[in-house]
Amino acid sequence: MELDDTLRALLTALGIGLMIGIVRERMHGGPQTLAAGTRTHALICLLGCIGWMLGSAAFVVCLLLVGALTIAAYLHTARDDPGLTGEVALLLSVVLGGLSVDHASLAAALGVLVAILLLLKAPMQKLSRELISERELQDGLMLGAAALVVMPLLPSEPLDPWGTVSPVTVWRIVVLVMAVGMFGHIAQRLFGARWGLPIAGFFSGFVSSSAAVTGMGQSARENSEQTTACASAALLANLASLLLFLAVVGTISPVLLRAALPSLGAAVLALLLVSACLQWLAHRSDLVVAQSSGRAFKLSQALLIAALIAGVSLLAAWLGERFGSAGVLVTTMLVALAEVHAAAAGVAQLQLSGTVPLDVACWGILGVLSASSLAKIVLAFASGGMRYGLQVAAGLVAMPCAAWLGLLLSN
């Protein structure tokens, strides 16, 4: 090892030890029982670094010696401080000191992370003991298991003869619906129902407006006094989806976007107007400030929505194979019931390749928008009930109607 590398490793280890030690001394309640402070952590980090330079056997010996000292320190201070945080931090100092020899940047980053975790003792205790309820913890664990345990185990190969739907695709929809519900629940807890729901709704729309409509519908069913706010948030999700719709069409076929821009611009204005009216009505109600006490999502409804979308995709694939190019636009409309951006991309690609004329493609784009609105209206009634469904339908009907009117007036 060159002299520069050696100095860098030693300085990195020293910096990590000083940083962790300072945080330990600042955050510890009783300095009389503090077994390892700034100097001890700095020396331990340097010991780990030097031990690793001497070889793996020397490092193991250093680690065992520090482990023995840590056990002795814990036995001495256990009555006054029964926690293990300080002991674990001491062992980590040895490991990070050794890691700084070969991976100084990684060791420094991990050292900062350890210091942050030590510094956030009080906020993390408040979060886990006071802010998060038992039900929210269960929902978070269920979402984590669905995304990180179940989804990686599912096969990605399609199971149907048309190669359309795979188990991992269907489950991804389930996770999206659950995640949107959780996102809305967290935003409402952080910002209140007045601003948390609109924020959560708009940004959820960039991921999946169908999932946002369903997630907000679940919130409306759990808290009926917030139905109008949830409906406004669902329409804001569709506004974000419509903006992404414009970007997808424009990326594939700028000519088609320019031709359909008056109608799509009218759709944006109509949707924004209805959403703003609902938001104004929600703000007038004092009931909106109530915090959500229900579940963040319902797994059964997420499974149902995923099954419906998968069924529509299978039907569209079957019709496309049976009728070929003659029914390509009809098939695209059916695809829009499940995924509006994929359908819009399909129409734009057909126009770009010359398969469909420009004027027909404009009608196809609005047909895709109308089919998607119809599907989301059904989801709104199914997930949120009559009142929520009617309010969401007001915006989702106004959007394609304004688009068709804009297209007729521009011709």
Protein backbone atom coordinates (compact mmCIF):
# COMPACT_ATOMS: atom_id res chain seq x y z
CA MET A 1 0.00 0.00 0.00
CA GLU A 2 1.33 3.41 -1.01
CA LEU A 3 1.93 6.18 1.51
CA ASP A 4 -0.95 8.34 0.18
CA ASP A 5 -3.41 5.42 0.46
CA THR A 6 -2.22 4.68 3.98
CA LEU A 7 -2.65 8.27 5.11
CA ARG A 8 -6.08 8.48 3.50
CA ALA A 9 -7.20 5.32 5.27
CA LEU A 10 -5.88 6.48 8.64
CA LEU A 11 -7.42 9.95 8.29
CA THR A 12 -10.75 8.45 7.21
CA ALA A 13 -10.76 6.08 10.17
CA LEU A 14 -9.85 8.92 12.53
CA GLY A 15 -12.63 11.13 11.14
CA ILE A 16 -15.21 8.34 11.45
CA GLY A 17 -14.21 7.65 15.03
CA LEU A 18 -14.29 11.31 16.04
CA MET A 19 -17.69 11.81 14.40
CA ILE A 20 -19.32 8.79 16.05
CA GLY A 21 -17.69 9.56 19.39
CA ILE A 22 -18.85 13.18 19.42
CA VAL A 23 -22.43 12.16 18.67
CA ARG A 24 -22.33 9.51 21.40
CA GLU A 25 -21.14 12.04 23.99
CA ARG A 26 -23.68 14.69 22.92
CA MET A 27 -26.64 12.32 22.89
CA HIS A 28 -25.86 10.29 26.00
CA GLY A 29 -27.91 11.26 29.02
CA GLY A 30 -25.49 10.26 31.77
CA PRO A 31 -21.81 10.96 31.13
CA GLN A 32 -20.85 9.14 34.33
CA THR A 33 -21.88 5.82 32.73
CA LEU A 34 -20.53 6.50 29.23
CA ALA A 35 -18.01 3.75 28.51
CA ALA A 36 -16.79 4.99 25.13
CA GLY A 37 -16.72 8.63 24.06
CA THR A 38 -14.91 10.68 21.43
CA ARG A 39 -11.35 9.57 22.17
CA THR A 40 -12.27 5.90 22.61
CA HIS A 41 -14.13 5.71 19.30
CA ALA A 42 -11.32 7.50 17.48
CA LEU A 43 -8.75 5.09 18.91
CA ILE A 44 -10.93 2.06 18.18
CA CYS A 45 -11.36 3.15 14.54
CA LEU A 46 -7.62 3.60 14.18
CA LEU A 47 -7.09 0.17 15.77
CA GLY A 48 -9.40 -1.42 13.22
CA CYS A 49 -7.64 0.37 10.37
CA ILE A 50 -4.16 -0.65 11.50
CA GLY A 51 -5.31 -4.20 12.22
CA TRP A 52 -6.65 -4.55 8.67
CA MET A 53 -3.37 -3.19 7.25
CA LEU A 54 -1.45 -5.86 9.18
CA GLY A 55 -3.64 -8.65 7.82
CA SER A 56 -6.91 -10.48 8.40
CA ALA A 57 -5.58 -12.40 11.42
CA ALA A 58 -4.49 -9.18 13.15
CA PHE A 59 -7.88 -7.59 12.40
CA VAL A 60 -9.74 -10.56 13.89
CA VAL A 61 -7.61 -10.32 17.03
CA CYS A 62 -8.40 -6.59 17.30
CA LEU A 63 -12.10 -7.27 16.81
CA LEU A 64 -12.10 -9.96 19.49
CA LEU A 65 -10.25 -7.74 21.95
CA VAL A 66 -12.67 -4.86 21.40
CA GLY A 67 -15.56 -7.33 21.71
CA ALA A 68 -14.24 -8.53 25.06
CA LEU A 69 -13.80 -4.94 26.28
CA THR A 70 -17.32 -4.15 25.07
CA ILE A 71 -18.78 -7.05 27.06
CA ALA A 72 -16.89 -5.95 30.16
CA ALA A 73 -18.10 -2.36 29.71
CA TYR A 74 -21.69 -3.50 29.29
CA LEU A 75 -21.57 -5.61 32.45
CA HIS A 76 -20.25 -2.58 34.31
CA THR A 77 -22.88 -0.10 33.04
CA ALA A 78 -25.89 -2.38 32.45
CA ARG A 79 -27.62 -1.32 35.66
CA ASP A 80 -27.59 2.38 34.76
CA ASP A 81 -27.81 2.01 30.96
CA PRO A 82 -29.28 -1.35 29.82
CA GLY A 83 -29.31 -0.44 26.12
CA LEU A 84 -26.87 -1.94 23.60
CA THR A 85 -26.53 1.05 21.26
CA GLY A 86 -23.17 2.17 22.59
CA GLU A 87 -21.71 -1.35 22.47
CA VAL A 88 -22.88 -1.93 18.90
CA ALA A 89 -21.51 1.48 17.87
CA LEU A 90 -18.15 0.53 19.35
CA LEU A 91 -17.98 -2.69 17.35
CA LEU A 92 -19.05 -0.82 14.23
CA SER A 93 -16.17 1.60 14.76
CA VAL A 94 -13.72 -1.29 14.48
CA VAL A 95 -15.36 -2.61 11.32
CA LEU A 96 -15.54 0.82 9.70
CA GLY A 97 -11.91 1.46 10.57
CA GLY A 98 -10.94 -1.75 8.77
CA LEU A 99 -13.21 -0.94 5.83
CA SER A 100 -11.53 2.44 5.35
CA VAL A 101 -8.35 0.71 4.16
CA ASP A 102 -9.83 -0.64 0.91
CA HIS A 103 -13.03 1.39 0.61
CA ALA A 104 -12.49 4.78 2.25
CA SER A 105 -15.47 6.49 0.59
CA LEU A 106 -17.87 3.70 1.54
CA ALA A 107 -16.57 3.64 5.11
CA ALA A 108 -16.99 7.42 5.42
CA ALA A 109 -20.55 7.26 4.06
CA LEU A 110 -21.47 4.47 6.46
CA GLY A 111 -19.88 6.41 9.31
CA VAL A 112 -22.09 9.40 8.52
CA LEU A 113 -25.12 7.09 8.41
CA VAL A 114 -24.24 5.61 11.81
CA ALA A 115 -23.81 9.09 13.29
CA ILE A 116 -27.19 10.19 11.90
CA LEU A 117 -28.91 7.14 13.39
CA LEU A 118 -27.33 7.84 16.75
CA LEU A 119 -28.34 11.51 16.53
CA LEU A 120 -31.97 10.68 15.72
CA LYS A 121 -32.58 8.70 18.89
CA ALA A 122 -35.38 10.90 20.28
CA PRO A 123 -37.25 11.48 16.98
CA MET A 124 -37.11 7.78 16.10
CA GLN A 125 -38.38 6.79 19.54
CA LYS A 126 -41.24 9.28 19.21
CA LEU A 127 -42.03 7.99 15.71
CA SER A 128 -42.14 4.34 16.72
CA ARG A 129 -43.87 4.80 20.10
CA GLU A 130 -46.25 7.73 19.57
CA LEU A 131 -46.75 8.73 15.93
CA ILE A 132 -47.22 5.34 14.26
CA SER A 133 -50.30 3.42 15.30
CA GLU A 134 -50.54 -0.36 15.48
CA ARG A 135 -52.73 -0.46 12.39
CA GLU A 136 -50.35 1.74 10.39
CA LEU A 137 -47.46 -0.50 11.37
CA GLN A 138 -49.36 -3.55 10.15
CA ASP A 139 -50.19 -1.83 6.85
CA GLY A 140 -46.56 -0.77 6.36
CA LEU A 141 -45.30 -4.29 6.99
CA MET A 142 -47.90 -5.71 4.60
CA LEU A 143 -46.85 -3.27 1.88
CA GLY A 144 -43.17 -4.07 2.47
CA ALA A 145 -43.85 -7.81 2.28
CA ALA A 146 -45.86 -7.41 -0.93
CA ALA A 147 -43.16 -5.32 -2.62
CA LEU A 148 -39.95 -6.85 -1.26
CA VAL A 149 -40.88 -10.47 -0.50
CA VAL A 150 -43.72 -11.58 -2.75
CA MET A 151 -43.00 -9.63 -5.95
CA PRO A 152 -39.37 -10.83 -6.45
CA LEU A 153 -40.57 -14.45 -6.15
CA LEU A 154 -43.16 -14.18 -8.93
CA PRO A 155 -42.26 -15.21 -12.51
CA SER A 156 -41.93 -12.44 -15.07
CA GLU A 157 -42.83 -14.61 -18.06
CA PRO A 158 -46.41 -14.17 -19.35
CA LEU A 159 -48.70 -17.11 -18.68
CA ASP A 160 -51.30 -16.37 -21.37
CA PRO A 161 -50.88 -17.49 -25.02
CA TRP A 162 -50.71 -13.85 -26.23
CA GLY A 163 -47.80 -12.91 -23.95
CA THR A 164 -49.74 -10.05 -22.36
CA VAL A 165 -50.08 -10.65 -18.63
CA SER A 166 -47.44 -12.01 -16.27
CA PRO A 167 -47.84 -12.67 -12.53
CA VAL A 168 -45.27 -10.01 -11.63
CA THR A 169 -47.15 -7.42 -13.73
CA VAL A 170 -50.44 -8.15 -12.00
CA TRP A 171 -48.81 -8.06 -8.58
CA ARG A 172 -47.10 -4.78 -9.44
CA ILE A 173 -50.56 -3.26 -9.88
CA VAL A 174 -51.53 -4.59 -6.44
CA VAL A 175 -48.42 -2.99 -4.91
CA LEU A 176 -49.13 0.30 -6.70
CA VAL A 177 -52.68 0.48 -5.33
CA MET A 178 -51.39 -0.27 -1.83
CA ALA A 179 -48.55 2.24 -2.16
CA VAL A 180 -50.87 5.03 -3.33
CA GLY A 181 -53.12 4.42 -0.33
CA MET A 182 -50.12 4.49 2.00
CA PHE A 183 -48.71 7.62 0.34
CA GLY A 184 -52.03 9.43 0.74
CA HIS A 185 -52.31 8.32 4.36
CA ILE A 186 -48.81 9.56 5.20
CA ALA A 187 -49.31 12.87 3.37
CA GLN A 188 -52.56 13.41 5.26
CA ARG A 189 -50.84 12.72 8.58
CA LEU A 190 -48.02 15.14 7.73
CA PHE A 191 -49.93 18.01 6.12
CA GLY A 192 -53.53 17.40 7.19
CA ALA A 193 -56.42 16.53 4.93
CA ARG A 194 -56.58 20.04 3.44
CA TRP A 195 -53.20 19.82 1.69
CA GLY A 196 -52.00 16.27 2.25
CA LEU A 197 -54.61 14.64 0.02
CA PRO A 198 -54.12 16.99 -2.98
CA ILE A 199 -50.35 16.61 -2.79
CA ALA A 200 -50.55 12.83 -2.54
CA GLY A 201 -53.16 12.64 -5.29
CA PHE A 202 -51.27 14.73 -7.84
CA PHE A 203 -47.93 12.98 -7.49
CA SER A 204 -49.55 9.55 -7.37
CA GLY A 205 -51.04 10.25 -10.78
CA PHE A 206 -47.59 10.12 -12.37
CA VAL A 207 -47.32 6.51 -11.21
CA SER A 208 -50.86 5.23 -11.73
CA SER A 209 -54.00 7.35 -11.86
CA SER A 210 -56.15 4.22 -11.66
CA ALA A 211 -54.42 3.23 -8.44
CA ALA A 212 -54.83 6.79 -7.16
CA VAL A 213 -58.58 6.77 -7.88
CA THR A 214 -58.90 3.45 -6.06
CA GLY A 215 -56.70 4.49 -3.13
CA MET A 216 -58.55 7.78 -2.64
CA GLY A 217 -61.82 5.89 -2.92
CA GLN A 218 -60.75 3.64 -0.07
CA SER A 219 -59.94 6.73 2.01
CA ALA A 220 -63.33 8.24 1.20
CA ARG A 221 -65.11 5.06 2.22
CA GLU A 222 -63.18 4.95 5.51
CA ASN A 223 -63.74 8.69 6.22
CA SER A 224 -66.97 9.81 4.61
CA GLU A 225 -66.53 13.41 5.80
CA GLN A 226 -63.49 13.68 3.52
CA THR A 227 -65.19 12.39 0.38
CA THR A 228 -65.02 15.70 -1.49
CA ALA A 229 -61.33 16.19 -0.65
CA CYS A 230 -60.58 12.62 -1.79
CA ALA A 231 -62.48 13.16 -5.04
CA SER A 232 -60.53 16.35 -5.73
CA ALA A 233 -57.27 14.51 -5.05
CA ALA A 234 -58.32 11.72 -7.43
CA LEU A 235 -58.99 14.27 -10.18
CA LEU A 236 -55.61 15.88 -9.54
CA ALA A 237 -54.08 12.43 -10.03
CA ASN A 238 -55.83 12.25 -13.40
CA LEU A 239 -54.53 15.72 -14.21
CA ALA A 240 -50.98 14.51 -13.62
CA SER A 241 -51.73 11.42 -15.71
CA LEU A 242 -53.07 13.63 -18.51
CA LEU A 243 -49.89 15.72 -18.48
CA LEU A 244 -47.88 12.52 -18.79
CA PHE A 245 -50.27 11.47 -21.56
CA LEU A 246 -49.33 14.62 -23.50
CA ALA A 247 -45.63 13.93 -22.97
CA VAL A 248 -45.92 10.33 -24.22
CA VAL A 249 -47.80 11.33 -27.39
CA GLY A 250 -45.44 14.24 -28.07
CA THR A 251 -42.35 12.09 -27.62
CA ILE A 252 -43.49 9.48 -30.14
CA SER A 253 -45.31 11.69 -32.65
CA PRO A 254 -44.91 15.49 -32.31
CA VAL A 255 -47.15 15.93 -35.37
CA LEU A 256 -50.01 14.11 -33.66
CA LEU A 257 -49.55 16.17 -30.49
CA ARG A 258 -49.74 19.44 -32.42
CA ALA A 259 -52.90 18.27 -34.18
CA ALA A 260 -54.58 17.12 -30.95
CA LEU A 261 -53.26 19.91 -28.72
CA PRO A 262 -56.42 22.12 -28.82
CA SER A 263 -58.63 19.24 -27.72
CA LEU A 264 -56.18 17.95 -25.12
CA GLY A 265 -55.65 21.48 -23.80
CA ALA A 266 -59.41 21.83 -23.35
CA ALA A 267 -59.40 18.52 -21.46
CA VAL A 268 -56.69 19.80 -19.10
CA LEU A 269 -58.62 23.00 -18.40
CA ALA A 270 -61.89 21.16 -17.78
CA LEU A 271 -60.31 18.68 -15.40
CA LEU A 272 -58.44 21.42 -13.55
CA LEU A 273 -61.64 23.48 -13.20
CA VAL A 274 -63.70 20.63 -11.72
CA SER A 275 -60.89 19.63 -9.39
CA ALA A 276 -60.49 23.24 -8.19
CA CYS A 277 -64.21 23.52 -7.53
CA LEU A 278 -64.20 20.33 -5.46
CA GLN A 279 -61.12 21.51 -3.59
CA TRP A 280 -62.83 24.81 -2.83
CA LEU A 281 -65.88 22.98 -1.51
CA ALA A 282 -63.64 20.76 0.60
CA HIS A 283 -61.81 23.75 2.08
CA ARG A 284 -65.09 25.33 3.09
CA SER A 285 -65.88 22.33 5.26
CA ASP A 286 -64.39 22.24 8.76
CA LEU A 287 -64.70 18.44 8.72
CA VAL A 288 -61.80 18.17 6.30
CA VAL A 289 -59.25 18.84 9.02
CA ALA A 290 -60.09 15.54 10.72
CA GLN A 291 -57.22 13.10 10.62
CA SER A 292 -57.63 9.69 9.05
CA SER A 293 -58.05 6.88 11.53
CA GLY A 294 -58.79 4.07 9.06
CA ARG A 295 -56.50 1.70 7.23
CA ALA A 296 -54.13 3.05 4.62
CA PHE A 297 -55.41 0.50 2.07
CA LYS A 298 -57.42 -2.68 1.67
CA LEU A 299 -55.65 -5.65 0.14
CA SER A 300 -58.88 -7.19 -1.14
CA GLN A 301 -59.71 -4.14 -3.23
CA ALA A 302 -56.17 -3.93 -4.56
CA LEU A 303 -56.41 -7.57 -5.69
CA LEU A 304 -59.78 -6.92 -7.32
CA ILE A 305 -58.50 -3.91 -9.27
CA ALA A 306 -55.45 -5.86 -10.48
CA ALA A 307 -57.68 -8.75 -11.58
CA LEU A 308 -59.96 -6.40 -13.55
CA ILE A 309 -57.03 -4.73 -15.32
CA ALA A 310 -55.47 -8.10 -16.17
CA GLY A 311 -58.80 -9.34 -17.54
CA VAL A 312 -59.19 -6.31 -19.79
CA SER A 313 -55.63 -6.74 -21.08
CA LEU A 314 -56.32 -10.38 -21.93
CA LEU A 315 -59.54 -9.44 -23.74
CA ALA A 316 -57.74 -6.78 -25.77
CA ALA A 317 -55.00 -9.25 -26.76
CA TRP A 318 -57.58 -11.85 -27.83
CA LEU A 319 -59.50 -9.32 -29.95
CA GLY A 320 -56.30 -8.08 -31.54
CA GLU A 321 -55.33 -11.60 -32.59
CA ARG A 322 -58.84 -12.44 -33.81
CA PHE A 323 -59.58 -9.30 -35.87
CA GLY A 324 -56.04 -8.19 -36.76
CA SER A 325 -55.41 -4.71 -38.15
CA ALA A 326 -59.12 -4.12 -38.82
CA GLY A 327 -59.82 -3.92 -35.11
CA VAL A 328 -56.58 -2.33 -34.01
CA LEU A 329 -58.16 0.91 -32.75
CA VAL A 330 -60.94 -0.96 -30.96
CA THR A 331 -58.30 -3.11 -29.29
CA THR A 332 -56.39 0.04 -28.33
CA MET A 333 -59.52 1.43 -26.66
CA LEU A 334 -59.75 -1.75 -24.59
CA VAL A 335 -56.10 -1.46 -23.67
CA ALA A 336 -56.85 2.09 -22.49
CA LEU A 337 -59.26 0.63 -19.93
CA ALA A 338 -56.20 -0.88 -18.25
CA GLU A 339 -53.30 1.40 -19.18
CA VAL A 340 -53.97 4.71 -20.87
CA HIS A 341 -50.36 5.66 -21.59
CA ALA A 342 -49.60 2.37 -23.32
CA ALA A 343 -52.72 2.83 -25.46
CA ALA A 344 -51.77 6.42 -26.31
CA ALA A 345 -48.28 5.30 -27.27
CA GLY A 346 -49.83 2.63 -29.51
CA VAL A 347 -51.98 5.14 -31.37
CA ALA A 348 -49.05 7.57 -31.77
CA GLN A 349 -46.87 4.77 -33.09
CA LEU A 350 -49.54 3.76 -35.61
CA GLN A 351 -49.76 7.35 -36.84
CA LEU A 352 -45.99 7.68 -37.03
CA SER A 353 -45.67 4.49 -39.11
CA GLY A 354 -48.45 5.58 -41.47
CA THR A 355 -50.80 2.75 -40.55
CA VAL A 356 -53.42 5.23 -39.32
CA PRO A 357 -54.00 8.69 -40.91
CA LEU A 358 -53.48 11.79 -38.79
CA ASP A 359 -57.14 12.71 -38.50
CA VAL A 360 -58.08 9.16 -37.53
CA ALA A 361 -55.24 9.11 -34.98
CA CYS A 362 -56.65 12.30 -33.38
CA TRP A 363 -60.00 10.57 -32.98
CA GLY A 364 -58.16 7.53 -31.64
CA ILE A 365 -56.33 9.60 -29.04
CA LEU A 366 -59.60 11.02 -27.75
CA GLY A 367 -61.16 7.57 -27.85
CA VAL A 368 -58.33 6.31 -25.65
CA LEU A 369 -58.93 9.19 -23.24
CA SER A 370 -62.66 8.48 -23.13
CA ALA A 371 -62.20 4.76 -22.56
CA SER A 372 -59.75 5.43 -19.74
CA SER A 373 -62.18 7.89 -18.13
CA LEU A 374 -64.97 5.31 -18.30
CA ALA A 375 -62.81 2.69 -16.61
CA LYS A 376 -61.80 5.07 -13.81
CA ILE A 377 -65.42 6.09 -13.22
CA VAL A 378 -66.25 2.42 -12.66
CA LEU A 379 -63.28 2.13 -10.28
CA ALA A 380 -64.42 5.26 -8.41
CA PHE A 381 -67.90 3.90 -7.78
CA ALA A 382 -66.53 0.48 -6.83
CA SER A 383 -63.92 1.77 -4.40
CA GLY A 384 -65.47 4.90 -2.85
CA GLY A 385 -69.23 4.54 -3.09
CA MET A 386 -71.96 6.63 -4.72
CA ARG A 387 -71.01 10.14 -3.54
CA TYR A 388 -67.33 9.75 -4.29
CA GLY A 389 -68.11 8.12 -7.64
CA LEU A 390 -70.40 10.95 -8.72
CA GLN A 391 -67.88 13.64 -7.81
CA VAL A 392 -65.03 11.88 -9.61
CA ALA A 393 -67.31 11.18 -12.57
CA ALA A 394 -68.06 14.91 -12.87
CA GLY A 395 -64.41 15.60 -13.67
CA LEU A 396 -63.81 12.47 -15.73
CA VAL A 397 -66.86 13.17 -17.89
CA ALA A 398 -66.00 16.85 -18.32
CA MET A 399 -62.47 15.98 -19.45
CA PRO A 400 -63.29 13.92 -22.59
CA CYS A 401 -66.34 16.07 -23.38
CA ALA A 402 -64.15 19.17 -23.48
CA ALA A 403 -61.62 17.28 -25.58
CA TRP A 404 -64.22 16.20 -28.16
CA LEU A 405 -65.64 19.72 -28.27
CA GLY A 406 -62.18 21.14 -28.78
CA LEU A 407 -61.52 18.73 -31.64
CA LEU A 408 -64.82 19.59 -33.35
CA LEU A 409 -64.23 23.34 -33.05
CA SER A 410 -60.64 23.10 -34.31
CA ASN A 411 -61.67 21.32 -37.53
